[in-house]
Amino acid sequence: MTEKSSKPPAILSATSFETKCSMRAIRRSELRLMVPLSDTTIYELERRGRFPRRFFLTPRCVAWDLAEVEAWLTTRGHASKQEDGLHPYVRQRKSRPVKG
């Protein structure tokens, strides 16, 4: 009968841990400070796939990935500078069209 030499599990150094787990989760209170939108608007954008999805930390606690939220803010900033049709054309509204 031969004995297997078992190696102890590898211990991650602080730098390798940071590279493997670089995601930082933010809660709703931090998200509100970064994104000045109502909870309803954020939920609607998430549902349409236009905002980073929340994930559950526990059954009653949700969070967002900070890097995804920052990337979303950056793309919104670039889109608003380009004015590439992201804003609704209010003159074509059926109810209360803007007259000009």
Protein backbone atom coordinates (compact mmCIF):
# COMPACT_ATOMS: atom_id res chain seq x y z
CA MET A 1 0.00 0.00 0.00
CA THR A 2 1.50 3.32 -1.04
CA GLU A 3 0.83 6.59 0.66
CA LYS A 4 -0.10 9.58 -1.46
CA SER A 5 1.79 12.71 -0.67
CA SER A 6 -0.82 15.37 -0.33
CA LYS A 7 0.28 18.90 -0.91
CA PRO A 8 -1.22 21.61 1.27
CA PRO A 9 -3.62 23.91 -0.57
CA ALA A 10 -1.96 26.86 -2.22
CA ILE A 11 -2.25 30.06 -0.23
CA LEU A 12 -2.96 33.14 -2.31
CA SER A 13 -0.79 36.15 -1.74
CA ALA A 14 -2.50 39.53 -1.40
CA THR A 15 -1.64 40.57 -4.96
CA SER A 16 -2.80 37.35 -6.57
CA PHE A 17 -6.01 37.48 -4.54
CA GLU A 18 -6.70 41.01 -5.78
CA THR A 19 -6.22 39.99 -9.40
CA LYS A 20 -8.50 36.96 -9.03
CA CYS A 21 -11.17 38.83 -7.09
CA SER A 22 -11.02 42.31 -8.54
CA MET A 23 -14.81 42.75 -8.59
CA ARG A 24 -16.10 45.25 -6.04
CA ALA A 25 -19.78 45.11 -5.22
CA ILE A 26 -21.69 48.26 -4.33
CA ARG A 27 -24.99 48.43 -2.52
CA ARG A 28 -27.99 50.56 -3.43
CA SER A 29 -26.91 53.51 -1.26
CA GLU A 30 -23.58 53.82 -3.11
CA LEU A 31 -25.32 53.35 -6.46
CA ARG A 32 -27.68 56.23 -5.68
CA LEU A 33 -24.67 58.49 -5.06
CA MET A 34 -23.13 57.55 -8.40
CA VAL A 35 -26.23 57.36 -10.60
CA PRO A 36 -28.83 60.07 -9.96
CA LEU A 37 -31.80 58.00 -11.16
CA SER A 38 -34.77 56.70 -9.24
CA ASP A 39 -35.01 53.06 -8.22
CA THR A 40 -37.88 52.58 -10.68
CA THR A 41 -35.86 53.97 -13.58
CA ILE A 42 -32.86 51.80 -12.71
CA TYR A 43 -35.11 48.72 -12.49
CA GLU A 44 -36.68 49.53 -15.86
CA LEU A 45 -33.29 50.05 -17.51
CA GLU A 46 -32.08 46.74 -16.03
CA ARG A 47 -35.16 44.96 -17.34
CA ARG A 48 -34.51 46.31 -20.85
CA GLY A 49 -30.82 45.36 -20.69
CA ARG A 50 -29.61 48.97 -20.71
CA PHE A 51 -28.11 49.03 -17.21
CA PRO A 52 -25.81 46.58 -15.39
CA ARG A 53 -27.75 43.77 -13.74
CA ARG A 54 -27.92 43.50 -9.98
CA PHE A 55 -27.04 40.28 -8.25
CA PHE A 56 -28.02 38.85 -4.88
CA LEU A 57 -25.48 38.70 -2.06
CA THR A 58 -28.12 37.17 0.21
CA PRO A 59 -31.82 36.56 -0.39
CA ARG A 60 -32.56 40.10 0.83
CA CYS A 61 -29.45 42.00 -0.26
CA VAL A 62 -28.68 43.08 -3.83
CA ALA A 63 -25.53 44.67 -5.22
CA TRP A 64 -24.03 45.87 -8.49
CA ASP A 65 -20.53 45.41 -9.90
CA LEU A 66 -18.74 48.74 -9.54
CA ALA A 67 -16.70 48.28 -12.75
CA GLU A 68 -19.88 47.62 -14.77
CA VAL A 69 -21.61 50.71 -13.36
CA GLU A 70 -18.56 52.90 -14.04
CA ALA A 71 -18.35 51.53 -17.61
CA TRP A 72 -22.05 52.29 -18.09
CA LEU A 73 -21.55 55.87 -16.87
CA THR A 74 -18.59 56.30 -19.24
CA THR A 75 -20.56 55.07 -22.25
CA ARG A 76 -23.49 57.33 -21.35
CA GLY A 77 -21.11 60.29 -21.15
CA HIS A 78 -19.65 59.51 -24.57
CA ALA A 79 -23.10 58.96 -26.08
CA SER A 80 -24.39 62.29 -24.81
CA LYS A 81 -21.38 64.07 -26.33
CA GLN A 82 -22.01 62.46 -29.71
CA GLU A 83 -25.78 63.10 -29.68
CA ASP A 84 -26.34 59.97 -31.74
CA GLY A 85 -30.10 59.78 -31.41
CA LEU A 86 -30.34 58.39 -27.89
CA HIS A 87 -32.74 61.15 -26.92
CA PRO A 88 -36.36 60.91 -28.00
CA TYR A 89 -37.49 63.12 -30.82
CA VAL A 90 -40.27 64.95 -29.00
CA ARG A 91 -41.79 66.47 -32.14
CA GLN A 92 -43.02 63.02 -33.18
CA ARG A 93 -44.93 62.30 -29.97
CA LYS A 94 -48.58 61.41 -30.51
CA SER A 95 -49.73 62.98 -27.27
CA ARG A 96 -48.71 66.59 -26.60
CA PRO A 97 -46.25 67.03 -29.48
CA VAL A 98 -43.84 69.92 -29.19
CA LYS A 99 -44.63 72.64 -31.67
CA GLY A 100 -41.76 74.55 -33.09
